[in-house]
N, C-alpha and C. Protein backbone atom coordinates (compact mmCIF):
# COMPACT_ATOMS: atom_id res chain seq x y z
N MET A 1 -15.69 -6.56 -65.46
CA MET A 1 -14.39 -5.93 -65.59
C MET A 1 -13.57 -6.20 -64.33
N ARG A 2 -12.36 -6.60 -64.52
CA ARG A 2 -11.45 -6.93 -63.43
C ARG A 2 -10.84 -5.68 -62.81
N PRO A 3 -10.69 -5.71 -61.43
CA PRO A 3 -10.06 -4.55 -60.80
C PRO A 3 -8.61 -4.41 -61.25
N ASP A 4 -8.14 -3.22 -61.18
CA ASP A 4 -6.77 -2.88 -61.57
C ASP A 4 -5.79 -3.58 -60.62
N PRO A 5 -4.82 -4.34 -61.13
CA PRO A 5 -3.84 -5.03 -60.26
C PRO A 5 -3.04 -4.07 -59.39
N LEU A 6 -2.75 -2.88 -59.90
CA LEU A 6 -2.01 -1.91 -59.09
C LEU A 6 -2.86 -1.44 -57.91
N SER A 7 -4.15 -1.24 -58.13
CA SER A 7 -5.04 -0.83 -57.05
C SER A 7 -5.16 -1.93 -56.01
N GLU A 8 -5.26 -3.16 -56.47
CA GLU A 8 -5.33 -4.29 -55.54
C GLU A 8 -4.06 -4.39 -54.70
N ALA A 9 -2.90 -4.22 -55.33
CA ALA A 9 -1.63 -4.28 -54.61
C ALA A 9 -1.53 -3.14 -53.60
N ALA A 10 -1.98 -1.96 -53.99
CA ALA A 10 -1.93 -0.80 -53.08
C ALA A 10 -2.85 -1.04 -51.89
N ALA A 11 -4.03 -1.61 -52.11
CA ALA A 11 -4.96 -1.89 -51.03
C ALA A 11 -4.37 -2.94 -50.07
N ARG A 12 -3.75 -3.97 -50.62
CA ARG A 12 -3.11 -4.99 -49.78
C ARG A 12 -1.98 -4.38 -48.95
N ARG A 13 -1.17 -3.56 -49.61
CA ARG A 13 -0.05 -2.92 -48.90
C ARG A 13 -0.59 -2.01 -47.79
N HIS A 14 -1.66 -1.29 -48.06
CA HIS A 14 -2.28 -0.41 -47.06
C HIS A 14 -2.76 -1.23 -45.85
N GLU A 15 -3.43 -2.33 -46.09
CA GLU A 15 -3.93 -3.17 -45.00
C GLU A 15 -2.79 -3.79 -44.20
N LEU A 16 -1.74 -4.22 -44.88
CA LEU A 16 -0.58 -4.77 -44.18
C LEU A 16 0.09 -3.71 -43.31
N THR A 17 0.18 -2.50 -43.83
CA THR A 17 0.78 -1.40 -43.07
C THR A 17 -0.06 -1.08 -41.85
N ARG A 18 -1.38 -1.06 -42.03
CA ARG A 18 -2.29 -0.81 -40.89
C ARG A 18 -2.11 -1.91 -39.83
N ALA A 19 -2.03 -3.15 -40.29
CA ALA A 19 -1.88 -4.25 -39.35
C ALA A 19 -0.56 -4.14 -38.58
N ARG A 20 0.51 -3.76 -39.25
CA ARG A 20 1.80 -3.59 -38.58
C ARG A 20 1.74 -2.46 -37.56
N ALA A 21 1.08 -1.36 -37.93
CA ALA A 21 0.97 -0.22 -37.02
C ALA A 21 0.15 -0.59 -35.78
N ILE A 22 -0.95 -1.27 -35.97
CA ILE A 22 -1.80 -1.66 -34.84
C ILE A 22 -1.06 -2.65 -33.94
N GLN A 23 -0.37 -3.60 -34.55
CA GLN A 23 0.39 -4.58 -33.78
C GLN A 23 1.49 -3.89 -32.98
N ALA A 24 2.20 -2.96 -33.59
CA ALA A 24 3.27 -2.23 -32.90
C ALA A 24 2.69 -1.43 -31.73
N LEU A 25 1.57 -0.79 -31.96
CA LEU A 25 0.91 0.01 -30.92
C LEU A 25 0.53 -0.88 -29.74
N ARG A 26 -0.07 -2.02 -30.01
CA ARG A 26 -0.46 -2.95 -28.95
C ARG A 26 0.76 -3.46 -28.18
N GLU A 27 1.79 -3.80 -28.91
CA GLU A 27 3.00 -4.35 -28.26
C GLU A 27 3.68 -3.29 -27.39
N LEU A 28 3.78 -2.07 -27.88
CA LEU A 28 4.39 -1.00 -27.08
C LEU A 28 3.59 -0.77 -25.80
N ASP A 29 2.27 -0.76 -25.92
CA ASP A 29 1.42 -0.56 -24.75
C ASP A 29 1.53 -1.74 -23.80
N ARG A 30 1.60 -2.95 -24.33
CA ARG A 30 1.67 -4.15 -23.50
C ARG A 30 2.93 -4.16 -22.63
N VAL A 31 4.05 -3.76 -23.20
CA VAL A 31 5.30 -3.79 -22.43
C VAL A 31 5.54 -2.51 -21.62
N GLY A 32 4.66 -1.53 -21.78
CA GLY A 32 4.77 -0.31 -20.97
C GLY A 32 5.65 0.77 -21.55
N THR A 33 5.99 0.65 -22.83
CA THR A 33 6.79 1.69 -23.48
C THR A 33 5.91 2.92 -23.71
N PRO A 34 6.41 4.12 -23.41
CA PRO A 34 5.61 5.31 -23.69
C PRO A 34 5.20 5.36 -25.16
N ILE A 35 3.94 5.68 -25.39
CA ILE A 35 3.38 5.68 -26.75
C ILE A 35 3.60 7.05 -27.39
N THR A 36 4.28 7.05 -28.53
CA THR A 36 4.48 8.26 -29.33
C THR A 36 4.33 7.89 -30.79
N PHE A 37 4.07 8.89 -31.62
CA PHE A 37 3.98 8.63 -33.06
C PHE A 37 5.31 8.08 -33.57
N ALA A 38 6.40 8.69 -33.13
CA ALA A 38 7.72 8.24 -33.58
C ALA A 38 7.99 6.80 -33.14
N GLY A 39 7.63 6.48 -31.92
CA GLY A 39 7.87 5.13 -31.41
C GLY A 39 7.07 4.08 -32.16
N VAL A 40 5.79 4.38 -32.44
CA VAL A 40 4.95 3.44 -33.18
C VAL A 40 5.48 3.29 -34.60
N ALA A 41 5.82 4.41 -35.23
CA ALA A 41 6.33 4.36 -36.60
C ALA A 41 7.61 3.53 -36.67
N GLN A 42 8.51 3.74 -35.74
CA GLN A 42 9.76 3.00 -35.74
C GLN A 42 9.52 1.51 -35.49
N ALA A 43 8.66 1.19 -34.53
CA ALA A 43 8.40 -0.21 -34.21
C ALA A 43 7.73 -0.94 -35.37
N ALA A 44 6.88 -0.22 -36.12
CA ALA A 44 6.16 -0.84 -37.23
C ALA A 44 6.93 -0.76 -38.54
N GLY A 45 7.98 0.05 -38.58
CA GLY A 45 8.73 0.23 -39.82
C GLY A 45 7.97 1.02 -40.86
N ILE A 46 7.25 2.04 -40.39
CA ILE A 46 6.45 2.88 -41.29
C ILE A 46 6.76 4.34 -40.99
N SER A 47 6.19 5.23 -41.78
CA SER A 47 6.48 6.65 -41.58
C SER A 47 5.49 7.27 -40.59
N ARG A 48 5.97 8.28 -39.87
CA ARG A 48 5.08 9.01 -38.96
C ARG A 48 3.99 9.71 -39.73
N SER A 49 4.34 10.27 -40.88
CA SER A 49 3.34 11.02 -41.65
C SER A 49 2.17 10.12 -42.05
N TRP A 50 2.46 8.85 -42.36
CA TRP A 50 1.37 7.94 -42.71
C TRP A 50 0.45 7.72 -41.50
N LEU A 51 1.05 7.61 -40.30
CA LEU A 51 0.24 7.42 -39.09
C LEU A 51 -0.74 8.58 -38.88
N TYR A 52 -0.28 9.79 -39.16
CA TYR A 52 -1.15 10.96 -38.97
C TYR A 52 -2.34 10.94 -39.93
N THR A 53 -2.22 10.22 -41.04
CA THR A 53 -3.33 10.18 -42.01
C THR A 53 -4.38 9.14 -41.65
N GLN A 54 -4.13 8.33 -40.62
CA GLN A 54 -5.07 7.29 -40.21
C GLN A 54 -5.79 7.75 -38.93
N PRO A 55 -7.00 8.26 -39.06
CA PRO A 55 -7.67 8.87 -37.90
C PRO A 55 -7.84 7.91 -36.71
N ASP A 56 -8.19 6.67 -36.97
CA ASP A 56 -8.41 5.75 -35.85
C ASP A 56 -7.11 5.42 -35.14
N ILE A 57 -6.05 5.17 -35.87
CA ILE A 57 -4.77 4.83 -35.26
C ILE A 57 -4.17 6.05 -34.56
N SER A 58 -4.21 7.20 -35.22
CA SER A 58 -3.64 8.39 -34.58
C SER A 58 -4.45 8.78 -33.34
N GLY A 59 -5.76 8.58 -33.38
CA GLY A 59 -6.58 8.84 -32.19
C GLY A 59 -6.21 7.93 -31.04
N GLN A 60 -5.97 6.67 -31.35
CA GLN A 60 -5.57 5.72 -30.32
C GLN A 60 -4.20 6.08 -29.75
N ILE A 61 -3.29 6.49 -30.61
CA ILE A 61 -1.96 6.92 -30.13
C ILE A 61 -2.11 8.11 -29.20
N ARG A 62 -2.94 9.07 -29.57
CA ARG A 62 -3.14 10.26 -28.72
C ARG A 62 -3.75 9.88 -27.37
N ARG A 63 -4.72 8.98 -27.38
CA ARG A 63 -5.35 8.55 -26.12
C ARG A 63 -4.33 7.85 -25.22
N LEU A 64 -3.59 6.92 -25.79
CA LEU A 64 -2.61 6.19 -24.99
C LEU A 64 -1.46 7.08 -24.55
N ARG A 65 -1.07 8.01 -25.41
CA ARG A 65 0.00 8.95 -25.05
C ARG A 65 -0.45 9.80 -23.88
N GLY A 66 -1.70 10.25 -23.91
CA GLY A 66 -2.24 11.04 -22.81
C GLY A 66 -2.30 10.27 -21.51
N LYS A 67 -2.62 8.98 -21.59
CA LYS A 67 -2.70 8.16 -20.39
C LYS A 67 -1.32 7.89 -19.81
N THR A 68 -0.34 7.64 -20.65
CA THR A 68 0.98 7.33 -20.12
C THR A 68 1.68 8.57 -19.60
N ASP A 69 1.30 9.77 -20.07
CA ASP A 69 1.92 10.99 -19.54
C ASP A 69 1.65 11.12 -18.05
N GLY A 70 0.40 10.87 -17.61
CA GLY A 70 0.05 11.01 -16.21
C GLY A 70 0.26 9.75 -15.41
N ALA A 71 0.31 8.61 -16.06
CA ALA A 71 0.35 7.35 -15.32
C ALA A 71 1.71 6.67 -15.38
N GLY A 72 2.71 7.32 -15.89
CA GLY A 72 4.00 6.66 -16.03
C GLY A 72 3.95 5.73 -17.23
N ALA A 73 4.72 4.69 -17.19
CA ALA A 73 4.79 3.77 -18.32
C ALA A 73 4.07 2.46 -18.00
N ILE A 74 2.88 2.57 -17.42
CA ILE A 74 2.11 1.38 -17.09
C ILE A 74 1.22 1.04 -18.27
N PRO A 75 1.28 -0.19 -18.76
CA PRO A 75 0.42 -0.58 -19.87
C PRO A 75 -1.06 -0.43 -19.50
N ALA A 76 -1.89 -0.10 -20.50
CA ALA A 76 -3.31 0.12 -20.26
C ALA A 76 -3.96 -1.09 -19.59
N GLY A 77 -3.57 -2.28 -19.99
CA GLY A 77 -4.18 -3.48 -19.42
C GLY A 77 -3.80 -3.72 -17.98
N GLN A 78 -2.76 -3.04 -17.50
CA GLN A 78 -2.32 -3.25 -16.12
C GLN A 78 -2.67 -2.08 -15.21
N ARG A 79 -3.29 -1.05 -15.75
CA ARG A 79 -3.65 0.09 -14.92
C ARG A 79 -4.85 -0.24 -14.05
N ALA A 80 -4.86 0.31 -12.84
CA ALA A 80 -5.96 0.06 -11.91
C ALA A 80 -7.22 0.76 -12.39
N THR A 81 -8.36 0.11 -12.16
CA THR A 81 -9.63 0.73 -12.50
C THR A 81 -10.08 1.57 -11.31
N ALA A 82 -11.05 2.45 -11.55
CA ALA A 82 -11.57 3.29 -10.48
C ALA A 82 -12.18 2.42 -9.38
N ALA A 83 -12.88 1.35 -9.78
CA ALA A 83 -13.51 0.47 -8.80
C ALA A 83 -12.46 -0.22 -7.92
N SER A 84 -11.36 -0.69 -8.54
CA SER A 84 -10.34 -1.36 -7.74
C SER A 84 -9.63 -0.37 -6.82
N LEU A 85 -9.44 0.86 -7.28
CA LEU A 85 -8.82 1.87 -6.42
C LEU A 85 -9.73 2.20 -5.23
N ARG A 86 -11.05 2.30 -5.47
CA ARG A 86 -12.00 2.55 -4.38
C ARG A 86 -11.96 1.41 -3.37
N ALA A 87 -11.91 0.17 -3.86
CA ALA A 87 -11.87 -1.00 -2.97
C ALA A 87 -10.59 -0.99 -2.14
N ARG A 88 -9.46 -0.68 -2.78
CA ARG A 88 -8.19 -0.63 -2.05
C ARG A 88 -8.21 0.48 -1.01
N LEU A 89 -8.79 1.63 -1.35
CA LEU A 89 -8.89 2.74 -0.41
C LEU A 89 -9.77 2.36 0.78
N ALA A 90 -10.91 1.72 0.50
CA ALA A 90 -11.81 1.29 1.57
C ALA A 90 -11.10 0.30 2.49
N ALA A 91 -10.36 -0.64 1.93
CA ALA A 91 -9.62 -1.62 2.73
C ALA A 91 -8.56 -0.93 3.59
N ALA A 92 -7.86 0.05 3.01
CA ALA A 92 -6.83 0.77 3.75
C ALA A 92 -7.45 1.58 4.89
N LEU A 93 -8.58 2.23 4.63
CA LEU A 93 -9.26 3.00 5.68
C LEU A 93 -9.74 2.09 6.80
N ASP A 94 -10.27 0.92 6.43
CA ASP A 94 -10.73 -0.05 7.43
C ASP A 94 -9.56 -0.51 8.29
N ARG A 95 -8.44 -0.81 7.64
CA ARG A 95 -7.24 -1.24 8.39
C ARG A 95 -6.75 -0.12 9.31
N ASN A 96 -6.81 1.13 8.86
CA ASN A 96 -6.40 2.26 9.70
C ASN A 96 -7.30 2.35 10.94
N ARG A 97 -8.62 2.15 10.75
CA ARG A 97 -9.55 2.17 11.89
C ARG A 97 -9.21 1.04 12.87
N GLN A 98 -8.93 -0.15 12.35
CA GLN A 98 -8.57 -1.28 13.21
C GLN A 98 -7.31 -0.96 14.02
N LEU A 99 -6.31 -0.40 13.36
CA LEU A 99 -5.06 -0.06 14.04
C LEU A 99 -5.27 1.03 15.09
N ALA A 100 -6.10 2.01 14.78
CA ALA A 100 -6.39 3.08 15.75
C ALA A 100 -7.09 2.50 16.97
N ASP A 101 -8.04 1.59 16.76
CA ASP A 101 -8.74 0.94 17.88
C ASP A 101 -7.76 0.12 18.72
N GLU A 102 -6.88 -0.62 18.04
CA GLU A 102 -5.89 -1.43 18.76
C GLU A 102 -4.94 -0.54 19.57
N ASN A 103 -4.51 0.58 18.99
CA ASN A 103 -3.64 1.52 19.71
C ASN A 103 -4.34 2.06 20.95
N ALA A 104 -5.61 2.41 20.83
CA ALA A 104 -6.36 2.93 21.98
C ALA A 104 -6.46 1.86 23.07
N ARG A 105 -6.74 0.61 22.69
CA ARG A 105 -6.81 -0.48 23.67
C ARG A 105 -5.46 -0.66 24.37
N LEU A 106 -4.38 -0.66 23.60
CA LEU A 106 -3.06 -0.83 24.19
C LEU A 106 -2.69 0.32 25.12
N ARG A 107 -3.07 1.53 24.76
CA ARG A 107 -2.79 2.68 25.63
C ARG A 107 -3.54 2.56 26.96
N ARG A 108 -4.82 2.12 26.86
CA ARG A 108 -5.59 1.94 28.10
C ARG A 108 -4.96 0.86 28.98
N ARG A 109 -4.54 -0.25 28.36
CA ARG A 109 -3.90 -1.32 29.13
C ARG A 109 -2.60 -0.85 29.77
N LEU A 110 -1.82 -0.09 29.01
CA LEU A 110 -0.56 0.42 29.54
C LEU A 110 -0.82 1.38 30.70
N ALA A 111 -1.79 2.28 30.52
CA ALA A 111 -2.10 3.23 31.59
C ALA A 111 -2.57 2.47 32.83
N ARG A 112 -3.41 1.46 32.65
CA ARG A 112 -3.90 0.66 33.77
C ARG A 112 -2.73 -0.06 34.45
N ALA A 113 -1.82 -0.65 33.66
CA ALA A 113 -0.67 -1.37 34.22
C ALA A 113 0.24 -0.41 34.98
N LEU A 114 0.49 0.76 34.43
CA LEU A 114 1.34 1.74 35.11
C LEU A 114 0.67 2.23 36.39
N GLY A 115 -0.63 2.44 36.33
CA GLY A 115 -1.38 2.85 37.54
C GLY A 115 -1.32 1.78 38.60
N ASP A 116 -1.52 0.52 38.20
CA ASP A 116 -1.44 -0.59 39.16
C ASP A 116 -0.04 -0.67 39.77
N GLN A 117 0.99 -0.49 38.93
CA GLN A 117 2.37 -0.55 39.41
C GLN A 117 2.63 0.57 40.42
N ARG A 118 2.15 1.77 40.11
CA ARG A 118 2.35 2.91 41.02
C ARG A 118 1.62 2.68 42.34
N SER A 119 0.40 2.11 42.25
CA SER A 119 -0.36 1.84 43.47
C SER A 119 0.36 0.81 44.34
N ALA A 120 0.91 -0.22 43.69
CA ALA A 120 1.62 -1.26 44.45
C ALA A 120 2.84 -0.67 45.12
N LEU A 121 3.56 0.19 44.44
CA LEU A 121 4.75 0.81 45.03
C LEU A 121 4.37 1.73 46.20
N THR A 122 3.28 2.46 46.05
CA THR A 122 2.84 3.37 47.10
C THR A 122 2.41 2.58 48.33
N ARG A 123 1.68 1.49 48.10
CA ARG A 123 1.22 0.66 49.23
C ARG A 123 2.40 0.03 49.97
N SER A 124 3.45 -0.29 49.27
CA SER A 124 4.59 -0.95 49.92
C SER A 124 5.58 0.06 50.51
N GLY A 125 5.29 1.33 50.36
CA GLY A 125 6.16 2.36 50.91
C GLY A 125 7.37 2.65 50.05
N ASN A 126 7.39 2.20 48.84
CA ASN A 126 8.52 2.44 47.95
C ASN A 126 8.15 3.46 46.87
N ASP A 127 7.45 4.49 47.24
CA ASP A 127 7.02 5.49 46.26
C ASP A 127 8.24 6.23 45.75
N PRO A 128 8.57 6.08 44.45
CA PRO A 128 9.77 6.74 43.93
C PRO A 128 9.68 8.24 43.96
N GLU A 129 8.47 8.80 44.01
CA GLU A 129 8.33 10.26 43.98
C GLU A 129 8.23 10.83 45.40
N GLY A 130 8.16 10.00 46.41
CA GLY A 130 7.92 10.52 47.74
C GLY A 130 9.01 10.32 48.66
């Protein structure tokens, strides 16, 4: 027995609608547009109510919406990972230590130079304080 042509058409239409919704969701995320049900529905040319009936798509919208609320409008593929943030923090801390060491060296050199200058002035009888 052959499947009902209306059922086949409805199944095809359902799959095409899902594909449009997923494509719209990916594109919005790729360009950094905030993810909302209304935005995905509009971009895909479908209804919001239909999106709510698709658990996997609506779950993905909720996850991405939650991420963009705290992270601004940065696409998921461009967001920093925890590992890269740790590496950047370690590099920044290392650079801060290097700069602190360099500042301490420069202060010692300056103090030594000023001390030498004061000693030379005192020895020559040109002490500005005396």
